[in-house]
């Protein structure tokens, strides 16, 4: 794809995509970095425009970049129109089996981006986020995914309804809690091999909300070592997601 003309209006548009309201209005988001741009081109996402420093110059790239140190390539990419799921479409979002990650109010862009990378690494069947979770297309989220955003299926939806859908399909909904049962000692843990399993991770400060808590089958706790040791109050949300998913995958083997 050829480098698109860079007018003043285009610069203003690209800079505005730092805000969700303009991403929603235009249906576009920003991708930066040569490898990330290549991943966008190779994915099912539609790339609108590509700008490269070699064509537009360093000064122009600094004007449009959302990074403190501009990369040599930037692309405008169309957001897919299948991200938000309502009640009717939610029922078909879970397969007959599979392991899914659900995020209840995650606010940190780095955490969300890292969780998409985790989902990609462990081959999860999908990631679902509550409407109050940080936007998937936030530039900091996109960069933190390191390309996973183009490989992982993700949606926003009502998380309590998602948990109910998993249970109605014969599966389970689990959540990570500080007062839960020791994940490594729990004898019965469905791994998503025979029915859909949803693992919920909550907000960085308040954890999983009451509405979602009421819908989980079991409260899981990742214990410190040695057990009962006093130390950090809790784990980072992305770290907790990674450890829990690793245990699910270990058991599925």
C-alpha atoms as a PDB file:
ATOM      1  CA  UNK A   1       0.000   0.000   0.000  1.00  0.00           C
ATOM      2  CA  UNK A   2       1.348   3.432  -0.973  1.00  0.00           C
ATOM      3  CA  UNK A   3       1.857   6.150   1.626  1.00  0.00           C
ATOM      4  CA  UNK A   4      -1.265   8.338   1.718  1.00  0.00           C
ATOM      5  CA  UNK A   5      -1.100  12.155   1.347  1.00  0.00           C
ATOM      6  CA  UNK A   6      -0.617  13.868   4.720  1.00  0.00           C
ATOM      7  CA  UNK A   7      -2.704  17.029   4.812  1.00  0.00           C
ATOM      8  CA  UNK A   8      -3.264  19.252   7.853  1.00  0.00           C
ATOM      9  CA  UNK A   9      -6.756  17.786   8.178  1.00  0.00           C
ATOM     10  CA  UNK A  10      -5.299  14.278   8.133  1.00  0.00           C
ATOM     11  CA  UNK A  11      -2.794  15.184  10.850  1.00  0.00           C
ATOM     12  CA  UNK A  12      -5.639  16.524  12.984  1.00  0.00           C
ATOM     13  CA  UNK A  13      -7.676  13.346  12.398  1.00  0.00           C
ATOM     14  CA  UNK A  14      -4.802  11.040  13.336  1.00  0.00           C
ATOM     15  CA  UNK A  15      -4.018  12.994  16.487  1.00  0.00           C
ATOM     16  CA  UNK A  16      -7.695  12.946  17.506  1.00  0.00           C
ATOM     17  CA  UNK A  17      -7.710   9.137  17.551  1.00  0.00           C
ATOM     18  CA  UNK A  18      -6.043   9.267  20.949  1.00  0.00           C
ATOM     19  CA  UNK A  19      -9.601   9.769  22.255  1.00  0.00           C
ATOM     20  CA  UNK A  20     -12.250   7.048  22.222  1.00  0.00           C
ATOM     21  CA  UNK A  21     -15.030   9.364  21.051  1.00  0.00           C
ATOM     22  CA  UNK A  22     -13.155  10.070  17.825  1.00  0.00           C
ATOM     23  CA  UNK A  23     -12.236   6.412  17.328  1.00  0.00           C
ATOM     24  CA  UNK A  24     -15.931   5.583  17.683  1.00  0.00           C
ATOM     25  CA  UNK A  25     -16.975   8.416  15.360  1.00  0.00           C
ATOM     26  CA  UNK A  26     -14.507   7.550  12.598  1.00  0.00           C
ATOM     27  CA  UNK A  27     -14.302   3.780  13.085  1.00  0.00           C
ATOM     28  CA  UNK A  28     -10.502   4.047  12.920  1.00  0.00           C
ATOM     29  CA  UNK A  29      -7.609   3.350  15.268  1.00  0.00           C
ATOM     30  CA  UNK A  30      -3.850   3.862  15.115  1.00  0.00           C
ATOM     31  CA  UNK A  31      -1.171   1.182  14.791  1.00  0.00           C
ATOM     32  CA  UNK A  32       2.513   2.088  15.089  1.00  0.00           C
ATOM     33  CA  UNK A  33       5.703   0.172  14.348  1.00  0.00           C
ATOM     34  CA  UNK A  34       6.819  -1.613  11.189  1.00  0.00           C
ATOM     35  CA  UNK A  35       6.101  -5.094  12.581  1.00  0.00           C
ATOM     36  CA  UNK A  36       2.688  -4.039  13.902  1.00  0.00           C
ATOM     37  CA  UNK A  37       1.764  -2.435  10.583  1.00  0.00           C
ATOM     38  CA  UNK A  38       2.794  -5.607   8.747  1.00  0.00           C
ATOM     39  CA  UNK A  39       0.658  -7.668  11.119  1.00  0.00           C
ATOM     40  CA  UNK A  40      -2.290  -5.385  10.428  1.00  0.00           C
ATOM     41  CA  UNK A  41      -1.834  -5.809   6.684  1.00  0.00           C
ATOM     42  CA  UNK A  42      -1.673  -9.595   7.031  1.00  0.00           C
ATOM     43  CA  UNK A  43      -4.768  -9.779   9.249  1.00  0.00           C
ATOM     44  CA  UNK A  44      -8.480  -9.678   8.501  1.00  0.00           C
ATOM     45  CA  UNK A  45      -8.581  -6.012   9.583  1.00  0.00           C
ATOM     46  CA  UNK A  46      -8.938  -3.397   6.842  1.00  0.00           C
ATOM     47  CA  UNK A  47      -6.033  -0.958   6.671  1.00  0.00           C
ATOM     48  CA  UNK A  48      -7.085   2.545   5.593  1.00  0.00           C
ATOM     49  CA  UNK A  49      -3.741   4.360   5.250  1.00  0.00           C
ATOM     50  CA  UNK A  50      -0.059   3.788   5.938  1.00  0.00           C
ATOM     51  CA  UNK A  51       2.538   6.488   6.628  1.00  0.00           C
ATOM     52  CA  UNK A  52       6.283   5.851   6.694  1.00  0.00           C
ATOM     53  CA  UNK A  53       9.064   8.154   7.806  1.00  0.00           C
ATOM     54  CA  UNK A  54      10.976   7.402   4.615  1.00  0.00           C
ATOM     55  CA  UNK A  55       8.156   9.015   2.615  1.00  0.00           C
ATOM     56  CA  UNK A  56       6.807  11.791   4.876  1.00  0.00           C
ATOM     57  CA  UNK A  57       9.922  12.708   6.870  1.00  0.00           C
ATOM     58  CA  UNK A  58      10.728  12.632  10.573  1.00  0.00           C
ATOM     59  CA  UNK A  59       9.061  15.956  11.400  1.00  0.00           C
ATOM     60  CA  UNK A  60       5.740  14.836   9.900  1.00  0.00           C
ATOM     61  CA  UNK A  61       5.935  11.490  11.673  1.00  0.00           C
ATOM     62  CA  UNK A  62       6.466  13.279  14.987  1.00  0.00           C
ATOM     63  CA  UNK A  63       3.305  15.287  14.362  1.00  0.00           C
ATOM     64  CA  UNK A  64       1.109  12.225  13.852  1.00  0.00           C
ATOM     65  CA  UNK A  65       2.720   9.736  16.212  1.00  0.00           C
ATOM     66  CA  UNK A  66       1.105   8.891  19.559  1.00  0.00           C
ATOM     67  CA  UNK A  67       4.438   7.625  20.917  1.00  0.00           C
ATOM     68  CA  UNK A  68       7.107   9.613  22.747  1.00  0.00           C
ATOM     69  CA  UNK A  69       9.647   8.165  20.304  1.00  0.00           C
ATOM     70  CA  UNK A  70       7.954   7.840  16.887  1.00  0.00           C
ATOM     71  CA  UNK A  71       8.422   4.595  15.012  1.00  0.00           C
ATOM     72  CA  UNK A  72       9.146   4.460  11.267  1.00  0.00           C
ATOM     73  CA  UNK A  73       5.642   3.344  10.301  1.00  0.00           C
ATOM     74  CA  UNK A  74       2.083   4.253  11.293  1.00  0.00           C
ATOM     75  CA  UNK A  75      -1.202   2.906   9.959  1.00  0.00           C
ATOM     76  CA  UNK A  76      -4.841   3.844  10.272  1.00  0.00           C
ATOM     77  CA  UNK A  77      -6.926   0.692  10.606  1.00  0.00           C
ATOM     78  CA  UNK A  78     -10.683   0.187  10.502  1.00  0.00           C
ATOM     79  CA  UNK A  79     -12.218  -1.165  13.699  1.00  0.00           C
ATOM     80  CA  UNK A  80     -14.227  -4.371  13.161  1.00  0.00           C
ATOM     81  CA  UNK A  81     -17.969  -3.907  13.632  1.00  0.00           C
ATOM     82  CA  UNK A  82     -18.396  -7.164  15.581  1.00  0.00           C
ATOM     83  CA  UNK A  83     -16.705  -6.163  18.848  1.00  0.00           C
ATOM     84  CA  UNK A  84     -19.769  -5.163  20.900  1.00  0.00           C
ATOM     85  CA  UNK A  85     -22.156  -8.033  21.641  1.00  0.00           C
ATOM     86  CA  UNK A  86     -25.738  -7.546  22.783  1.00  0.00           C
ATOM     87  CA  UNK A  87     -27.954 -10.183  24.399  1.00  0.00           C
ATOM     88  CA  UNK A  88     -28.985 -11.829  21.145  1.00  0.00           C
ATOM     89  CA  UNK A  89     -25.468 -12.190  19.783  1.00  0.00           C
ATOM     90  CA  UNK A  90     -23.940 -13.109  23.130  1.00  0.00           C
ATOM     91  CA  UNK A  91     -25.623 -16.514  23.154  1.00  0.00           C
ATOM     92  CA  UNK A  92     -23.607 -17.604  20.122  1.00  0.00           C
ATOM     93  CA  UNK A  93     -20.287 -16.143  21.272  1.00  0.00           C
ATOM     94  CA  UNK A  94     -19.300 -19.235  23.255  1.00  0.00           C
ATOM     95  CA  UNK A  95     -18.521 -22.495  21.530  1.00  0.00           C
ATOM     96  CA  UNK A  96     -19.493 -25.978  22.668  1.00  0.00           C
ATOM     97  CA  UNK A  97     -16.137 -25.999  24.476  1.00  0.00           C
ATOM     98  CA  UNK A  98     -13.241 -23.634  25.011  1.00  0.00           C
ATOM     99  CA  UNK A  99     -11.433 -21.474  27.547  1.00  0.00           C
ATOM    100  CA  UNK A 100     -12.333 -17.773  27.616  1.00  0.00           C
ATOM    101  CA  UNK A 101     -11.004 -14.798  29.560  1.00  0.00           C
ATOM    102  CA  UNK A 102     -13.471 -12.200  30.887  1.00  0.00           C
ATOM    103  CA  UNK A 103     -12.361  -8.812  32.206  1.00  0.00           C
ATOM    104  CA  UNK A 104     -14.479  -6.905  34.711  1.00  0.00           C
ATOM    105  CA  UNK A 105     -13.541  -3.234  34.715  1.00  0.00           C
ATOM    106  CA  UNK A 106      -9.855  -3.375  33.753  1.00  0.00           C
ATOM    107  CA  UNK A 107      -8.634   0.230  33.557  1.00  0.00           C
ATOM    108  CA  UNK A 108      -4.931   0.092  32.788  1.00  0.00           C
ATOM    109  CA  UNK A 109      -4.163   0.006  29.030  1.00  0.00           C
ATOM    110  CA  UNK A 110      -0.940  -1.912  29.629  1.00  0.00           C
ATOM    111  CA  UNK A 111      -2.805  -4.589  31.557  1.00  0.00           C
ATOM    112  CA  UNK A 112      -5.408  -5.037  28.820  1.00  0.00           C
ATOM    113  CA  UNK A 113      -2.788  -5.190  26.091  1.00  0.00           C
ATOM    114  CA  UNK A 114      -0.760  -7.722  28.073  1.00  0.00           C
ATOM    115  CA  UNK A 115      -3.854  -9.854  28.644  1.00  0.00           C
ATOM    116  CA  UNK A 116      -4.466 -10.023  24.901  1.00  0.00           C
ATOM    117  CA  UNK A 117      -0.851 -11.196  24.512  1.00  0.00           C
ATOM    118  CA  UNK A 118      -1.471 -13.808  27.227  1.00  0.00           C
ATOM    119  CA  UNK A 119      -4.636 -14.963  25.453  1.00  0.00           C
ATOM    120  CA  UNK A 120      -2.660 -15.267  22.219  1.00  0.00           C
ATOM    121  CA  UNK A 121       0.175 -17.207  23.878  1.00  0.00           C
ATOM    122  CA  UNK A 122      -2.123 -19.710  25.578  1.00  0.00           C
ATOM    123  CA  UNK A 123      -4.479 -20.056  22.615  1.00  0.00           C
ATOM    124  CA  UNK A 124      -7.626 -18.855  24.367  1.00  0.00           C
ATOM    125  CA  UNK A 125     -10.858 -19.026  22.409  1.00  0.00           C
ATOM    126  CA  UNK A 126     -11.804 -15.425  23.132  1.00  0.00           C
ATOM    127  CA  UNK A 127     -11.494 -12.419  25.431  1.00  0.00           C
ATOM    128  CA  UNK A 128     -14.554 -10.560  26.708  1.00  0.00           C
ATOM    129  CA  UNK A 129     -14.501  -7.202  28.463  1.00  0.00           C
ATOM    130  CA  UNK A 130     -17.135  -5.272  30.371  1.00  0.00           C
ATOM    131  CA  UNK A 131     -18.241  -1.953  28.812  1.00  0.00           C
ATOM    132  CA  UNK A 132     -16.353  -0.023  31.511  1.00  0.00           C
ATOM    133  CA  UNK A 133     -13.055  -1.723  30.660  1.00  0.00           C
ATOM    134  CA  UNK A 134     -10.504   0.457  28.844  1.00  0.00           C
ATOM    135  CA  UNK A 135     -11.092   0.541  25.075  1.00  0.00           C
ATOM    136  CA  UNK A 136      -9.439  -2.265  23.099  1.00  0.00           C
ATOM    137  CA  UNK A 137      -8.386   0.306  20.482  1.00  0.00           C
ATOM    138  CA  UNK A 138      -6.717   2.741  22.879  1.00  0.00           C
ATOM    139  CA  UNK A 139      -3.252   3.387  21.332  1.00  0.00           C
ATOM    140  CA  UNK A 140      -1.493   2.205  24.506  1.00  0.00           C
ATOM    141  CA  UNK A 141      -3.530  -1.009  24.503  1.00  0.00           C
ATOM    142  CA  UNK A 142      -2.764  -1.644  20.838  1.00  0.00           C
ATOM    143  CA  UNK A 143       0.978  -1.167  21.360  1.00  0.00           C
ATOM    144  CA  UNK A 144       1.009  -3.375  24.461  1.00  0.00           C
ATOM    145  CA  UNK A 145      -0.555  -6.272  22.538  1.00  0.00           C
ATOM    146  CA  UNK A 146       2.544  -6.517  20.319  1.00  0.00           C
ATOM    147  CA  UNK A 147       0.314  -7.649  17.447  1.00  0.00           C
ATOM    148  CA  UNK A 148      -1.934  -9.998  19.426  1.00  0.00           C
ATOM    149  CA  UNK A 149      -4.883  -7.669  18.783  1.00  0.00           C
ATOM    150  CA  UNK A 150      -4.861  -8.974  15.196  1.00  0.00           C
ATOM    151  CA  UNK A 151      -4.867 -12.637  16.236  1.00  0.00           C
ATOM    152  CA  UNK A 152      -7.182 -12.859  19.274  1.00  0.00           C
ATOM    153  CA  UNK A 153     -10.984 -12.776  19.120  1.00  0.00           C
ATOM    154  CA  UNK A 154     -12.261 -10.119  21.516  1.00  0.00           C
ATOM    155  CA  UNK A 155     -15.591  -8.534  22.408  1.00  0.00           C
ATOM    156  CA  UNK A 156     -17.245  -6.195  24.873  1.00  0.00           C
ATOM    157  CA  UNK A 157     -20.366  -7.531  26.561  1.00  0.00           C
ATOM    158  CA  UNK A 158     -22.278  -7.897  29.814  1.00  0.00           C
ATOM    159  CA  UNK A 159     -19.999 -10.150  31.880  1.00  0.00           C
ATOM    160  CA  UNK A 160     -22.705 -11.507  34.259  1.00  0.00           C
ATOM    161  CA  UNK A 161     -24.719 -12.541  31.187  1.00  0.00           C
ATOM    162  CA  UNK A 162     -21.613 -14.194  29.717  1.00  0.00           C
ATOM    163  CA  UNK A 163     -21.129 -16.230  32.907  1.00  0.00           C
ATOM    164  CA  UNK A 164     -24.764 -17.312  32.820  1.00  0.00           C
ATOM    165  CA  UNK A 165     -24.403 -18.308  29.166  1.00  0.00           C
ATOM    166  CA  UNK A 166     -21.402 -20.501  29.995  1.00  0.00           C
ATOM    167  CA  UNK A 167     -23.293 -22.266  32.780  1.00  0.00           C
ATOM    168  CA  UNK A 168     -26.405 -22.701  30.625  1.00  0.00           C
ATOM    169  CA  UNK A 169     -24.190 -24.410  28.041  1.00  0.00           C
ATOM    170  CA  UNK A 170     -23.040 -26.933  30.653  1.00  0.00           C
ATOM    171  CA  UNK A 171     -19.819 -25.102  31.412  1.00  0.00           C
ATOM    172  CA  UNK A 172     -18.470 -23.036  34.284  1.00  0.00           C
ATOM    173  CA  UNK A 173     -17.560 -19.495  35.263  1.00  0.00           C
ATOM    174  CA  UNK A 174     -14.615 -18.975  37.608  1.00  0.00           C
ATOM    175  CA  UNK A 175     -13.230 -15.787  39.123  1.00  0.00           C
ATOM    176  CA  UNK A 176      -9.969 -14.749  40.772  1.00  0.00           C
ATOM    177  CA  UNK A 177     -10.418 -13.502  44.361  1.00  0.00           C
ATOM    178  CA  UNK A 178      -8.204 -12.804  47.369  1.00  0.00           C
ATOM    179  CA  UNK A 179     -10.585 -14.851  49.544  1.00  0.00           C
ATOM    180  CA  UNK A 180     -10.979 -17.761  47.139  1.00  0.00           C
ATOM    181  CA  UNK A 181      -9.928 -21.401  47.221  1.00  0.00           C
ATOM    182  CA  UNK A 182      -6.324 -22.342  46.495  1.00  0.00           C
ATOM    183  CA  UNK A 183      -6.237 -22.785  42.714  1.00  0.00           C
ATOM    184  CA  UNK A 184      -3.511 -25.427  42.897  1.00  0.00           C
ATOM    185  CA  UNK A 185      -5.330 -27.550  45.480  1.00  0.00           C
ATOM    186  CA  UNK A 186      -8.787 -27.412  43.937  1.00  0.00           C
ATOM    187  CA  UNK A 187      -9.499 -31.032  42.904  1.00  0.00           C
ATOM    188  CA  UNK A 188     -12.277 -30.375  40.387  1.00  0.00           C
ATOM    189  CA  UNK A 189     -11.541 -27.697  37.816  1.00  0.00           C
ATOM    190  CA  UNK A 190     -13.073 -27.691  34.359  1.00  0.00           C
ATOM    191  CA  UNK A 191     -10.559 -26.656  31.736  1.00  0.00           C
ATOM    192  CA  UNK A 192     -12.811 -25.971  28.763  1.00  0.00           C
ATOM    193  CA  UNK A 193     -12.074 -29.243  26.978  1.00  0.00           C
ATOM    194  CA  UNK A 194     -15.667 -30.501  27.122  1.00  0.00           C
ATOM    195  CA  UNK A 195     -17.731 -27.349  27.764  1.00  0.00           C
ATOM    196  CA  UNK A 196     -17.157 -23.573  27.765  1.00  0.00           C
ATOM    197  CA  UNK A 197     -15.235 -22.177  30.720  1.00  0.00           C
ATOM    198  CA  UNK A 198     -15.035 -18.465  31.501  1.00  0.00           C
ATOM    199  CA  UNK A 199     -12.273 -17.147  33.771  1.00  0.00           C
ATOM    200  CA  UNK A 200     -13.010 -13.681  35.163  1.00  0.00           C
ATOM    201  CA  UNK A 201     -10.317 -11.239  36.286  1.00  0.00           C
ATOM    202  CA  UNK A 202     -11.417  -8.060  38.035  1.00  0.00           C
ATOM    203  CA  UNK A 203     -10.514  -4.417  38.308  1.00  0.00           C
ATOM    204  CA  UNK A 204      -6.990  -3.563  39.481  1.00  0.00           C
ATOM    205  CA  UNK A 205      -8.148  -1.939  42.740  1.00  0.00           C
ATOM    206  CA  UNK A 206     -11.613  -3.282  43.603  1.00  0.00           C
ATOM    207  CA  UNK A 207     -11.423  -6.736  42.025  1.00  0.00           C
ATOM    208  CA  UNK A 208     -14.494  -8.457  40.610  1.00  0.00           C
ATOM    209  CA  UNK A 209     -17.756  -6.594  41.161  1.00  0.00           C
ATOM    210  CA  UNK A 210     -20.761  -7.964  43.045  1.00  0.00           C
ATOM    211  CA  UNK A 211     -22.889  -8.539  39.928  1.00  0.00           C
ATOM    212  CA  UNK A 212     -20.213 -10.777  38.401  1.00  0.00           C
ATOM    213  CA  UNK A 213     -19.306 -12.416  41.728  1.00  0.00           C
ATOM    214  CA  UNK A 214     -22.880 -13.650  42.024  1.00  0.00           C
ATOM    215  CA  UNK A 215     -22.529 -15.540  38.736  1.00  0.00           C
ATOM    216  CA  UNK A 216     -19.297 -17.497  39.277  1.00  0.00           C
ATOM    217  CA  UNK A 217     -19.241 -21.164  40.259  1.00  0.00           C
ATOM    218  CA  UNK A 218     -16.003 -20.964  42.237  1.00  0.00           C
ATOM    219  CA  UNK A 219     -13.721 -18.286  43.649  1.00  0.00           C
ATOM    220  CA  UNK A 220     -10.086 -19.010  42.844  1.00  0.00           C
ATOM    221  CA  UNK A 221      -7.063 -17.759  44.767  1.00  0.00           C
ATOM    222  CA  UNK A 222      -3.443 -17.830  43.613  1.00  0.00           C
ATOM    223  CA  UNK A 223      -1.509 -18.404  46.852  1.00  0.00           C
ATOM    224  CA  UNK A 224       1.841 -16.849  47.764  1.00  0.00           C
ATOM    225  CA  UNK A 225       4.838 -19.013  48.543  1.00  0.00           C
ATOM    226  CA  UNK A 226       5.222 -20.236  51.154  1.00  0.00           C
ATOM    227  CA  UNK A 227       1.533 -20.441  52.018  1.00  0.00           C
ATOM    228  CA  UNK A 228       0.399 -17.810  54.495  1.00  0.00           C
ATOM    229  CA  UNK A 229       3.415 -15.592  53.899  1.00  0.00           C
ATOM    230  CA  UNK A 230       2.720 -11.892  54.381  1.00  0.00           C
ATOM    231  CA  UNK A 231       4.038  -9.770  51.529  1.00  0.00           C
ATOM    232  CA  UNK A 232       2.493  -7.934  48.613  1.00  0.00           C
ATOM    233  CA  UNK A 233      -1.219  -7.339  49.063  1.00  0.00           C
ATOM    234  CA  UNK A 234      -2.131  -8.769  45.669  1.00  0.00           C
ATOM    235  CA  UNK A 235      -0.873  -9.640  42.205  1.00  0.00           C
ATOM    236  CA  UNK A 236      -1.034  -7.403  39.176  1.00  0.00           C
ATOM    237  CA  UNK A 237      -4.215  -8.236  37.214  1.00  0.00           C
ATOM    238  CA  UNK A 238      -2.346  -9.371  34.101  1.00  0.00           C
ATOM    239  CA  UNK A 239       0.026 -11.509  36.180  1.00  0.00           C
ATOM    240  CA  UNK A 240      -2.921 -13.135  37.964  1.00  0.00           C
ATOM    241  CA  UNK A 241      -4.579 -13.867  34.623  1.00  0.00           C
ATOM    242  CA  UNK A 242      -1.383 -15.434  33.296  1.00  0.00           C
ATOM    243  CA  UNK A 243      -0.844 -17.691  36.317  1.00  0.00           C
ATOM    244  CA  UNK A 244      -4.459 -18.842  36.401  1.00  0.00           C
ATOM    245  CA  UNK A 245      -4.598 -19.556  32.667  1.00  0.00           C
ATOM    246  CA  UNK A 246      -1.317 -21.453  32.862  1.00  0.00           C
ATOM    247  CA  UNK A 247      -2.845 -23.731  35.509  1.00  0.00           C
ATOM    248  CA  UNK A 248      -5.936 -24.339  33.376  1.00  0.00           C
ATOM    249  CA  UNK A 249      -3.754 -25.246  30.416  1.00  0.00           C
ATOM    250  CA  UNK A 250      -1.499 -27.448  32.546  1.00  0.00           C
ATOM    251  CA  UNK A 251      -4.508 -29.443  33.728  1.00  0.00           C
ATOM    252  CA  UNK A 252      -5.930 -29.760  30.224  1.00  0.00           C
ATOM    253  CA  UNK A 253      -2.749 -31.613  29.218  1.00  0.00           C
END
